[in-house]
PDB file of N, CA and C in Angstrom:
ATOM      1  N   MET A   1     -35.876   8.126 -31.976  1.00  0.00           N
ATOM      2  CA  MET A   1     -35.049   6.888 -31.809  1.00  0.00           C
ATOM      3  C   MET A   1     -33.959   6.491 -32.187  1.00  0.00           C
ATOM      4  N   LYS A   2     -32.804   7.782 -32.741  1.00  0.00           N
ATOM      5  CA  LYS A   2     -31.894   7.045 -32.731  1.00  0.00           C
ATOM      6  C   LYS A   2     -30.827   7.953 -31.074  1.00  0.00           C
ATOM      7  N   ILE A   3     -31.879   8.396 -30.265  1.00  0.00           N
ATOM      8  CA  ILE A   3     -31.827   8.327 -28.389  1.00  0.00           C
ATOM      9  C   ILE A   3     -31.165   6.542 -27.925  1.00  0.00           C
ATOM     10  N   VAL A   4     -32.847   5.987 -28.366  1.00  0.00           N
ATOM     11  CA  VAL A   4     -32.955   4.352 -27.973  1.00  0.00           C
ATOM     12  C   VAL A   4     -31.745   3.653 -28.517  1.00  0.00           C
ATOM     13  N   LYS A   5     -31.505   4.017 -30.149  1.00  0.00           N
ATOM     14  CA  LYS A   5     -30.530   2.806 -30.923  1.00  0.00           C
ATOM     15  C   LYS A   5     -28.631   3.048 -29.615  1.00  0.00           C
ATOM     16  N   ASN A   6     -28.255   4.692 -29.652  1.00  0.00           N
ATOM     17  CA  ASN A   6     -27.313   5.241 -28.806  1.00  0.00           C
ATOM     18  C   ASN A   6     -26.798   4.360 -27.795  1.00  0.00           C
ATOM     19  N   LEU A   7     -28.351   4.232 -26.701  1.00  0.00           N
ATOM     20  CA  LEU A   7     -28.203   3.583 -25.105  1.00  0.00           C
ATOM     21  C   LEU A   7     -27.977   1.576 -25.331  1.00  0.00           C
ATOM     22  N   GLY A   8     -28.548   1.466 -26.069  1.00  0.00           N
ATOM     23  CA  GLY A   8     -28.562  -0.385 -26.858  1.00  0.00           C
ATOM     24  C   GLY A   8     -26.790  -0.210 -27.068  1.00  0.00           C
ATOM     25  N   ALA A   9     -26.114   0.908 -27.272  1.00  0.00           N
ATOM     26  CA  ALA A   9     -24.499   0.804 -27.615  1.00  0.00           C
ATOM     27  C   ALA A   9     -24.178   0.986 -26.758  1.00  0.00           C
ATOM     28  N   LYS A  10     -24.766   1.937 -25.681  1.00  0.00           N
ATOM     29  CA  LYS A  10     -23.530   1.720 -24.191  1.00  0.00           C
ATOM     30  C   LYS A  10     -23.283   0.799 -23.563  1.00  0.00           C
ATOM     31  N   ARG A  11     -24.739  -0.013 -23.234  1.00  0.00           N
ATOM     32  CA  ARG A  11     -24.960  -1.152 -22.700  1.00  0.00           C
ATOM     33  C   ARG A  11     -24.312  -1.697 -22.732  1.00  0.00           C
ATOM     34  N   LEU A  12     -23.912  -2.479 -24.773  1.00  0.00           N
ATOM     35  CA  LEU A  12     -23.258  -3.149 -24.877  1.00  0.00           C
ATOM     36  C   LEU A  12     -21.481  -3.323 -24.766  1.00  0.00           C
ATOM     37  N   SER A  13     -21.296  -1.989 -25.290  1.00  0.00           N
ATOM     38  CA  SER A  13     -20.066  -1.756 -24.556  1.00  0.00           C
ATOM     39  C   SER A  13     -19.426  -1.495 -23.421  1.00  0.00           C
ATOM     40  N   ARG A  14     -20.896  -1.732 -22.471  1.00  0.00           N
ATOM     41  CA  ARG A  14     -20.390  -1.852 -20.698  1.00  0.00           C
ATOM     42  C   ARG A  14     -20.355  -3.454 -20.725  1.00  0.00           C
ATOM     43  N   GLY A  15     -21.392  -3.718 -21.505  1.00  0.00           N
ATOM     44  CA  GLY A  15     -21.119  -5.430 -21.018  1.00  0.00           C
ATOM     45  C   GLY A  15     -19.860  -6.549 -21.620  1.00  0.00           C
ATOM     46  N   GLN A  16     -19.194  -5.713 -22.644  1.00  0.00           N
ATOM     47  CA  GLN A  16     -17.782  -6.123 -23.257  1.00  0.00           C
ATOM     48  C   GLN A  16     -17.181  -5.999 -22.099  1.00  0.00           C
ATOM     49  N   GLY A  17     -16.866  -4.397 -21.746  1.00  0.00           N
ATOM     50  CA  GLY A  17     -16.104  -4.255 -20.866  1.00  0.00           C
ATOM     51  C   GLY A  17     -15.733  -5.853 -19.938  1.00  0.00           C
ATOM     52  N   MET A  18     -17.027  -5.419 -19.484  1.00  0.00           N
ATOM     53  CA  MET A  18     -16.647  -6.331 -18.074  1.00  0.00           C
ATOM     54  C   MET A  18     -17.031  -7.870 -18.304  1.00  0.00           C
ATOM     55  N   THR A  19     -17.152  -8.338 -19.422  1.00  0.00           N
ATOM     56  CA  THR A  19     -16.617  -9.260 -20.146  1.00  0.00           C
ATOM     57  C   THR A  19     -15.066  -9.334 -20.102  1.00  0.00           C
ATOM     58  N   GLU A  20     -14.408  -8.849 -20.989  1.00  0.00           N
ATOM     59  CA  GLU A  20     -13.229  -8.950 -21.061  1.00  0.00           C
ATOM     60  C   GLU A  20     -12.083  -9.038 -19.765  1.00  0.00           C
ATOM     61  N   TYR A  21     -13.048  -8.130 -18.632  1.00  0.00           N
ATOM     62  CA  TYR A  21     -12.348  -7.591 -17.164  1.00  0.00           C
ATOM     63  C   TYR A  21     -12.521  -9.175 -16.682  1.00  0.00           C
ATOM     64  N   ILE A  22     -13.468  -9.956 -16.411  1.00  0.00           N
ATOM     65  CA  ILE A  22     -13.855 -11.018 -16.606  1.00  0.00           C
ATOM     66  C   ILE A  22     -12.399 -12.117 -16.921  1.00  0.00           C
ATOM     67  N   ILE A  23     -12.645 -12.451 -18.274  1.00  0.00           N
ATOM     68  CA  ILE A  23     -11.521 -13.050 -19.043  1.00  0.00           C
ATOM     69  C   ILE A  23      -9.920 -12.895 -18.655  1.00  0.00           C
ATOM     70  N   ILE A  24      -9.995 -11.786 -18.359  1.00  0.00           N
ATOM     71  CA  ILE A  24      -8.258 -11.237 -17.630  1.00  0.00           C
ATOM     72  C   ILE A  24      -8.013 -11.788 -16.152  1.00  0.00           C
ATOM     73  N   VAL A  25      -9.442 -11.700 -15.457  1.00  0.00           N
ATOM     74  CA  VAL A  25      -9.639 -12.489 -14.494  1.00  0.00           C
ATOM     75  C   VAL A  25      -9.498 -13.392 -13.748  1.00  0.00           C
ATOM     76  N   ALA A  26      -9.761 -14.320 -14.893  1.00  0.00           N
ATOM     77  CA  ALA A  26      -9.976 -16.066 -15.215  1.00  0.00           C
ATOM     78  C   ALA A  26      -8.511 -16.304 -15.322  1.00  0.00           C
ATOM     79  N   LEU A  27      -8.153 -15.721 -16.374  1.00  0.00           N
ATOM     80  CA  LEU A  27      -6.678 -15.992 -16.948  1.00  0.00           C
ATOM     81  C   LEU A  27      -5.553 -16.209 -15.986  1.00  0.00           C
ATOM     82  N   ILE A  28      -4.998 -14.199 -14.813  1.00  0.00           N
ATOM     83  CA  ILE A  28      -4.657 -14.255 -13.993  1.00  0.00           C
ATOM     84  C   ILE A  28      -5.083 -15.481 -12.394  1.00  0.00           C
ATOM     85  N   ALA A  29      -5.830 -16.122 -12.415  1.00  0.00           N
ATOM     86  CA  ALA A  29      -6.671 -16.722 -11.498  1.00  0.00           C
ATOM     87  C   ALA A  29      -5.855 -18.004 -12.286  1.00  0.00           C
ATOM     88  N   VAL A  30      -5.854 -18.966 -13.333  1.00  0.00           N
ATOM     89  CA  VAL A  30      -5.296 -19.674 -13.898  1.00  0.00           C
ATOM     90  C   VAL A  30      -4.099 -19.658 -13.419  1.00  0.00           C
ATOM     91  N   ALA A  31      -3.431 -18.858 -13.913  1.00  0.00           N
ATOM     92  CA  ALA A  31      -1.500 -18.528 -13.754  1.00  0.00           C
ATOM     93  C   ALA A  31      -1.059 -18.818 -12.514  1.00  0.00           C
ATOM     94  N   ALA A  32      -2.100 -18.364 -11.672  1.00  0.00           N
ATOM     95  CA  ALA A  32      -1.916 -17.943 -10.095  1.00  0.00           C
ATOM     96  C   ALA A  32      -1.514 -19.554  -9.820  1.00  0.00           C
ATOM     97  N   ILE A  33      -2.863 -20.078  -9.857  1.00  0.00           N
ATOM     98  CA  ILE A  33      -3.050 -21.722  -9.313  1.00  0.00           C
ATOM     99  C   ILE A  33      -1.973 -22.929 -10.114  1.00  0.00           C
ATOM    100  N   GLY A  34      -1.334 -22.000 -11.403  1.00  0.00           N
ATOM    101  CA  GLY A  34      -0.487 -23.325 -12.142  1.00  0.00           C
ATOM    102  C   GLY A  34       1.292 -22.713 -11.579  1.00  0.00           C
ATOM    103  N   VAL A  35       1.424 -21.336 -10.906  1.00  0.00           N
ATOM    104  CA  VAL A  35       2.787 -21.548 -10.048  1.00  0.00           C
ATOM    105  C   VAL A  35       2.172 -21.801  -8.628  1.00  0.00           C
ATOM    106  N   TYR A  36       1.068 -21.391  -7.903  1.00  0.00           N
ATOM    107  CA  TYR A  36       1.277 -21.841  -6.807  1.00  0.00           C
ATOM    108  C   TYR A  36       1.501 -23.758  -6.559  1.00  0.00           C
ATOM    109  N   SER A  37       0.501 -24.367  -7.725  1.00  0.00           N
ATOM    110  CA  SER A  37       0.889 -25.550  -7.609  1.00  0.00           C
ATOM    111  C   SER A  37       2.283 -26.156  -7.689  1.00  0.00           C
ATOM    112  N   PHE A  38       3.112 -25.255  -8.297  1.00  0.00           N
ATOM    113  CA  PHE A  38       4.870 -25.407  -9.056  1.00  0.00           C
ATOM    114  C   PHE A  38       5.711 -25.316  -7.498  1.00  0.00           C
ATOM    115  N   PHE A  39       5.539 -24.072  -7.165  1.00  0.00           N
ATOM    116  CA  PHE A  39       6.236 -23.813  -6.245  1.00  0.00           C
ATOM    117  C   PHE A  39       5.182 -23.943  -4.697  1.00  0.00           C
ATOM    118  N   GLY A  40       4.286 -24.599  -4.491  1.00  0.00           N
ATOM    119  CA  GLY A  40       3.745 -24.069  -3.176  1.00  0.00           C
ATOM    120  C   GLY A  40       4.717 -24.946  -1.776  1.00  0.00           C
ATOM    121  N   LYS A  41       5.291 -25.874  -2.268  1.00  0.00           N
ATOM    122  CA  LYS A  41       5.878 -26.427  -1.045  1.00  0.00           C
ATOM    123  C   LYS A  41       7.026 -25.900  -0.641  1.00  0.00           C
ATOM    124  N   THR A  42       8.117 -24.948  -1.526  1.00  0.00           N
ATOM    125  CA  THR A  42       8.890 -24.198  -1.572  1.00  0.00           C
ATOM    126  C   THR A  42       8.303 -22.752  -0.497  1.00  0.00           C
ATOM    127  N   VAL A  43       7.370 -22.393  -0.737  1.00  0.00           N
ATOM    128  CA  VAL A  43       6.674 -21.008  -0.552  1.00  0.00           C
ATOM    129  C   VAL A  43       6.347 -21.712   1.323  1.00  0.00           C
ATOM    130  N   ARG A  44       5.566 -22.862   1.328  1.00  0.00           N
ATOM    131  CA  ARG A  44       5.163 -22.927   2.956  1.00  0.00           C
ATOM    132  C   ARG A  44       6.169 -23.083   3.410  1.00  0.00           C
ATOM    133  N   ASN A  45       7.301 -23.794   3.276  1.00  0.00           N
ATOM    134  CA  ASN A  45       8.529 -24.207   3.788  1.00  0.00           C
ATOM    135  C   ASN A  45       8.834 -22.634   4.485  1.00  0.00           C
ATOM    136  N   GLN A  46       9.435 -21.856   3.356  1.00  0.00           N
ATOM    137  CA  GLN A  46       9.906 -20.497   3.442  1.00  0.00           C
ATOM    138  C   GLN A  46       9.097 -19.869   4.663  1.00  0.00           C
ATOM    139  N   THR A  47       7.516 -19.791   4.466  1.00  0.00           N
ATOM    140  CA  THR A  47       7.057 -19.010   5.570  1.00  0.00           C
ATOM    141  C   THR A  47       7.198 -20.145   6.437  1.00  0.00           C
ATOM    142  N   ALA A  48       6.815 -21.176   6.614  1.00  0.00           N
ATOM    143  CA  ALA A  48       7.144 -21.712   7.786  1.00  0.00           C
ATOM    144  C   ALA A  48       8.579 -21.545   9.193  1.00  0.00           C
ATOM    145  N   ALA A  49      10.060 -21.467   8.038  1.00  0.00           N
ATOM    146  CA  ALA A  49      10.669 -20.961   8.514  1.00  0.00           C
ATOM    147  C   ALA A  49      11.073 -19.839   9.321  1.00  0.00           C
ATOM    148  N   MET A  50      10.330 -19.061   8.648  1.00  0.00           N
ATOM    149  CA  MET A  50       9.879 -17.318   8.720  1.00  0.00           C
ATOM    150  C   MET A  50       9.070 -17.051  10.372  1.00  0.00           C
ATOM    151  N   ALA A  51       8.311 -18.078   9.916  1.00  0.00           N
ATOM    152  CA  ALA A  51       7.515 -17.642  11.434  1.00  0.00           C
ATOM    153  C   ALA A  51       8.299 -18.648  12.683  1.00  0.00           C
ATOM    154  N   ALA A  52       8.734 -19.165  12.045  1.00  0.00           N
ATOM    155  CA  ALA A  52       9.113 -20.209  13.131  1.00  0.00           C
ATOM    156  C   ALA A  52      11.051 -19.555  13.740  1.00  0.00           C
ATOM    157  N   ALA A  53      11.407 -18.143  13.051  1.00  0.00           N
ATOM    158  CA  ALA A  53      12.208 -17.501  13.444  1.00  0.00           C
ATOM    159  C   ALA A  53      11.893 -16.065  14.161  1.00  0.00           C
ATOM    160  N   LEU A  54      10.345 -15.971  13.924  1.00  0.00           N
ATOM    161  CA  LEU A  54       9.627 -15.111  14.470  1.00  0.00           C
ATOM    162  C   LEU A  54       9.897 -15.560  16.133  1.00  0.00           C
ATOM    163  N   GLY A  55       9.600 -16.406  15.928  1.00  0.00           N
ATOM    164  CA  GLY A  55       8.914 -17.117  17.335  1.00  0.00           C
ATOM    165  C   GLY A  55      10.219 -17.505  18.115  1.00  0.00           C
ATOM    166  N   GLY A  56      11.088 -17.249  17.387  1.00  0.00           N
ATOM    167  CA  GLY A  56      12.384 -17.870  18.975  1.00  0.00           C
ATOM    168  C   GLY A  56      12.763 -19.359  18.347  1.00  0.00           C
ATOM    169  N   ASP A  57      12.171 -20.184  17.993  1.00  0.00           N
ATOM    170  CA  ASP A  57      12.848 -20.826  17.418  1.00  0.00           C
ATOM    171  C   ASP A  57      13.830 -21.606  16.261  1.00  0.00           C
ATOM    172  N   ASN A  58      15.079 -21.521  16.803  1.00  0.00           N
ATOM    173  CA  ASN A  58      15.882 -21.000  15.852  1.00  0.00           C
ATOM    174  C   ASN A  58      15.745 -22.844  15.008  1.00  0.00           C
ATOM    175  N   GLU A  59      15.738 -24.198  15.669  1.00  0.00           N
ATOM    176  CA  GLU A  59      16.150 -25.264  15.363  1.00  0.00           C
ATOM    177  C   GLU A  59      15.043 -25.385  13.835  1.00  0.00           C
ATOM    178  N   LYS A  60      14.585 -25.491  14.457  1.00  0.00           N
ATOM    179  CA  LYS A  60      12.521 -25.580  13.083  1.00  0.00           C
ATOM    180  C   LYS A  60      12.456 -23.762  12.146  1.00  0.00           C
ATOM    181  N   ALA A  61      13.500 -23.557  12.593  1.00  0.00           N
ATOM    182  CA  ALA A  61      13.294 -22.056  11.238  1.00  0.00           C
ATOM    183  C   ALA A  61      14.556 -22.728  10.731  1.00  0.00           C
ATOM    184  N   VAL A  62      15.114 -23.212  10.825  1.00  0.00           N
ATOM    185  CA  VAL A  62      16.968 -23.794   9.611  1.00  0.00           C
ATOM    186  C   VAL A  62      16.386 -25.265   9.461  1.00  0.00           C
ATOM    187  N   LYS A  63      16.022 -26.167  10.154  1.00  0.00           N
ATOM    188  CA  LYS A  63      15.140 -27.079   9.260  1.00  0.00           C
ATOM    189  C   LYS A  63      13.854 -26.617   8.150  1.00  0.00           C
ATOM    190  N   ALA A  64      12.929 -25.517   8.982  1.00  0.00           N
ATOM    191  CA  ALA A  64      12.075 -25.324   7.380  1.00  0.00           C
ATOM    192  C   ALA A  64      12.715 -24.291   5.958  1.00  0.00           C
ATOM    193  N   THR A  65      13.891 -24.084   6.749  1.00  0.00           N
ATOM    194  CA  THR A  65      15.238 -23.525   5.233  1.00  0.00           C
ATOM    195  C   THR A  65      15.339 -24.586   4.661  1.00  0.00           C
ATOM    196  N   GLU A  66      16.301 -25.506   5.589  1.00  0.00           N
ATOM    197  CA  GLU A  66      16.573 -26.417   4.364  1.00  0.00           C
ATOM    198  C   GLU A  66      15.370 -27.545   3.671  1.00  0.00           C
ATOM    199  N   ASP A  67      14.335 -27.527   4.259  1.00  0.00           N
ATOM    200  CA  ASP A  67      13.130 -28.750   3.317  1.00  0.00           C
ATOM    201  C   ASP A  67      12.922 -27.376   2.443  1.00  0.00           C
ATOM    202  N   ALA A  68      12.952 -25.752   2.339  1.00  0.00           N
ATOM    203  CA  ALA A  68      12.354 -25.281   1.134  1.00  0.00           C
ATOM    204  C   ALA A  68      13.833 -25.189   0.180  1.00  0.00           C
ATOM    205  N   GLY A  69      15.138 -24.881   0.734  1.00  0.00           N
ATOM    206  CA  GLY A  69      16.192 -25.092  -0.284  1.00  0.00           C
ATOM    207  C   GLY A  69      15.632 -27.001  -1.393  1.00  0.00           C
ATOM    208  N   LYS A  70      15.230 -27.373  -0.609  1.00  0.00           N
ATOM    209  CA  LYS A  70      15.187 -29.426  -0.905  1.00  0.00           C
ATOM    210  C   LYS A  70      14.256 -29.379  -2.137  1.00  0.00           C
ATOM    211  N   ALA A  71      13.083 -28.507  -1.518  1.00  0.00           N
ATOM    212  CA  ALA A  71      12.029 -28.285  -2.122  1.00  0.00           C
ATOM    213  C   ALA A  71      12.009 -27.509  -3.656  1.00  0.00           C
ATOM    214  N   GLY A  72      13.152 -26.632  -3.403  1.00  0.00           N
ATOM    215  CA  GLY A  72      13.421 -25.557  -4.563  1.00  0.00           C
ATOM    216  C   GLY A  72      13.605 -26.515  -5.679  1.00  0.00           C
ATOM    217  N   LYS A  73      14.726 -26.995  -5.297  1.00  0.00           N
ATOM    218  CA  LYS A  73      15.846 -27.807  -6.126  1.00  0.00           C
ATOM    219  C   LYS A  73      14.891 -29.365  -6.686  1.00  0.00           C
ATOM    220  N   GLY A  74      13.473 -30.008  -5.475  1.00  0.00           N
ATOM    221  CA  GLY A  74      13.172 -30.521  -6.583  1.00  0.00           C
ATOM    222  C   GLY A  74      12.157 -30.133  -7.916  1.00  0.00           C
ATOM    223  N   ALA A  75      12.059 -28.853  -7.640  1.00  0.00           N
ATOM    224  CA  ALA A  75      11.125 -28.233  -9.026  1.00  0.00           C
ATOM    225  C   ALA A  75      11.877 -27.583  -9.761  1.00  0.00           C
ATOM    226  N   GLN A  76      13.341 -27.388  -9.271  1.00  0.00           N
ATOM    227  CA  GLN A  76      13.673 -27.097 -10.673  1.00  0.00           C
ATOM    228  C   GLN A  76      14.285 -28.532 -11.276  1.00  0.00           C
ATOM    229  N   GLY A  77      13.734 -29.654 -10.346  1.00  0.00           N
ATOM    230  CA  GLY A  77      14.568 -31.046 -11.342  1.00  0.00           C
ATOM    231  C   GLY A  77      13.178 -31.616 -12.316  1.00  0.00           C
ATOM    232  N   ILE A  78      11.821 -30.999 -11.687  1.00  0.00           N
ATOM    233  CA  ILE A  78      10.629 -31.077 -12.762  1.00  0.00           C
ATOM    234  C   ILE A  78      11.162 -30.290 -14.004  1.00  0.00           C
ATOM    235  N   ALA A  79      11.050 -28.974 -13.617  1.00  0.00           N
ATOM    236  CA  ALA A  79      11.072 -27.896 -14.774  1.00  0.00           C
ATOM    237  C   ALA A  79      12.224 -28.576 -15.802  1.00  0.00           C
ATOM    238  N   ASN A  80      13.984 -28.982 -15.630  1.00  0.00           N
ATOM    239  CA  ASN A  80      13.994 -29.198 -15.873  1.00  0.00           C
ATOM    240  C   ASN A  80      14.149 -30.400 -17.209  1.00  0.00           C
ATOM    241  N   LYS A  81      12.888 -31.068 -17.086  1.00  0.00           N
ATOM    242  CA  LYS A  81      12.893 -32.589 -17.615  1.00  0.00           C
ATOM    243  C   LYS A  81      11.728 -32.006 -18.865  1.00  0.00           C
ATOM    244  N   ASN A  82      12.254 -32.710 -20.146  1.00  0.00           N
ATOM    245  CA  ASN A  82      11.240 -32.160 -21.122  1.00  0.00           C
ATOM    246  C   ASN A  82       9.768 -33.089 -21.144  1.00  0.00           C
ATOM    247  N   GLY A  83       8.806 -32.501 -21.710  1.00  0.00           N
ATOM    248  CA  GLY A  83       7.535 -33.056 -21.006  1.00  0.00           C
ATOM    249  C   GLY A  83       6.895 -32.054 -22.398  1.00  0.00           C
ATOM    250  N   GLY A  84       5.547 -32.919 -22.966  1.00  0.00           N
ATOM    251  CA  GLY A  84       4.746 -32.273 -23.569  1.00  0.00           C
ATOM    252  C   GLY A  84       3.507 -32.801 -23.562  1.00  0.00           C
ATOM    253  N   LEU A  85       2.368 -32.712 -24.033  1.00  0.00           N
ATOM    254  CA  LEU A  85       0.941 -33.063 -23.477  1.00  0.00           C
ATOM    255  C   LEU A  85       1.377 -34.708 -23.951  1.00  0.00           C
ATOM    256  N   ASP A  86       2.442 -35.583 -24.333  1.00  0.00           N
ATOM    257  CA  ASP A  86       1.574 -36.983 -25.043  1.00  0.00           C
ATOM    258  C   ASP A  86       2.592 -37.369 -23.650  1.00  0.00           C
ATOM    259  N   SER A  87       3.100 -36.830 -22.453  1.00  0.00           N
ATOM    260  CA  SER A  87       3.750 -37.478 -21.428  1.00  0.00           C
ATOM    261  C   SER A  87       2.956 -36.592 -20.568  1.00  0.00           C
ATOM    262  N   TYR A  88       2.061 -36.283 -20.385  1.00  0.00           N
ATOM    263  CA  TYR A  88       1.064 -35.079 -19.144  1.00  0.00           C
ATOM    264  C   TYR A  88       0.905 -36.099 -18.603  1.00  0.00           C
ATOM    265  N   THR A  89       0.408 -36.839 -18.412  1.00  0.00           N
ATOM    266  CA  THR A  89      -0.597 -37.645 -17.379  1.00  0.00           C
ATOM    267  C   THR A  89       0.296 -38.268 -16.096  1.00  0.00           C
ATOM    268  N   THR A  90       1.542 -39.352 -17.407  1.00  0.00           N
ATOM    269  CA  THR A  90       2.316 -40.246 -16.388  1.00  0.00           C
ATOM    270  C   THR A  90       3.391 -38.884 -15.223  1.00  0.00           C
ATOM    271  N   GLU A  91       3.275 -37.813 -16.077  1.00  0.00           N
ATOM    272  CA  GLU A  91       4.127 -36.632 -14.811  1.00  0.00           C
ATOM    273  C   GLU A  91       3.652 -36.237 -13.915  1.00  0.00           C
ATOM    274  N   ALA A  92       2.005 -36.121 -14.310  1.00  0.00           N
ATOM    275  CA  ALA A  92       0.958 -35.405 -13.015  1.00  0.00           C
ATOM    276  C   ALA A  92       0.776 -36.497 -12.404  1.00  0.00           C
ATOM    277  N   LYS A  93       0.838 -37.508 -12.527  1.00  0.00           N
ATOM    278  CA  LYS A  93       0.914 -38.597 -11.574  1.00  0.00           C
ATOM    279  C   LYS A  93       2.135 -39.221 -10.708  1.00  0.00           C
ATOM    280  N   GLY A  94       3.011 -38.728 -11.342  1.00  0.00           N
ATOM    281  CA  GLY A  94       4.832 -38.629 -10.095  1.00  0.00           C
ATOM    282  C   GLY A  94       5.128 -39.873 -10.322  1.00  0.00           C
ATOM    283  N   GLN A  95       5.445 -40.702 -11.871  1.00  0.00           N
ATOM    284  CA  GLN A  95       5.539 -41.799 -12.336  1.00  0.00           C
ATOM    285  C   GLN A  95       6.685 -41.163 -12.936  1.00  0.00           C
TER     286      GLN A  95
END
């Protein structure tokens, strides 16, 4: 009878570990989505600048780099605003 109880405990432990792993992966995914939504435009412009520079199109590379700088300054302006949950919907709509 003890053997059956020990097997049940091992199964519960294995299930608990998997559940903890899933929760950690979900939290990392939510954090990554938040970071990408905040810095997405900057990252896209920087990637475009690198691709244009590698392709030999210096004019497009310079413009994409300037756009990335503008997007970064815009993100910094948003980050410097005081906000809370009471003003979340207004900020989310961009008003």
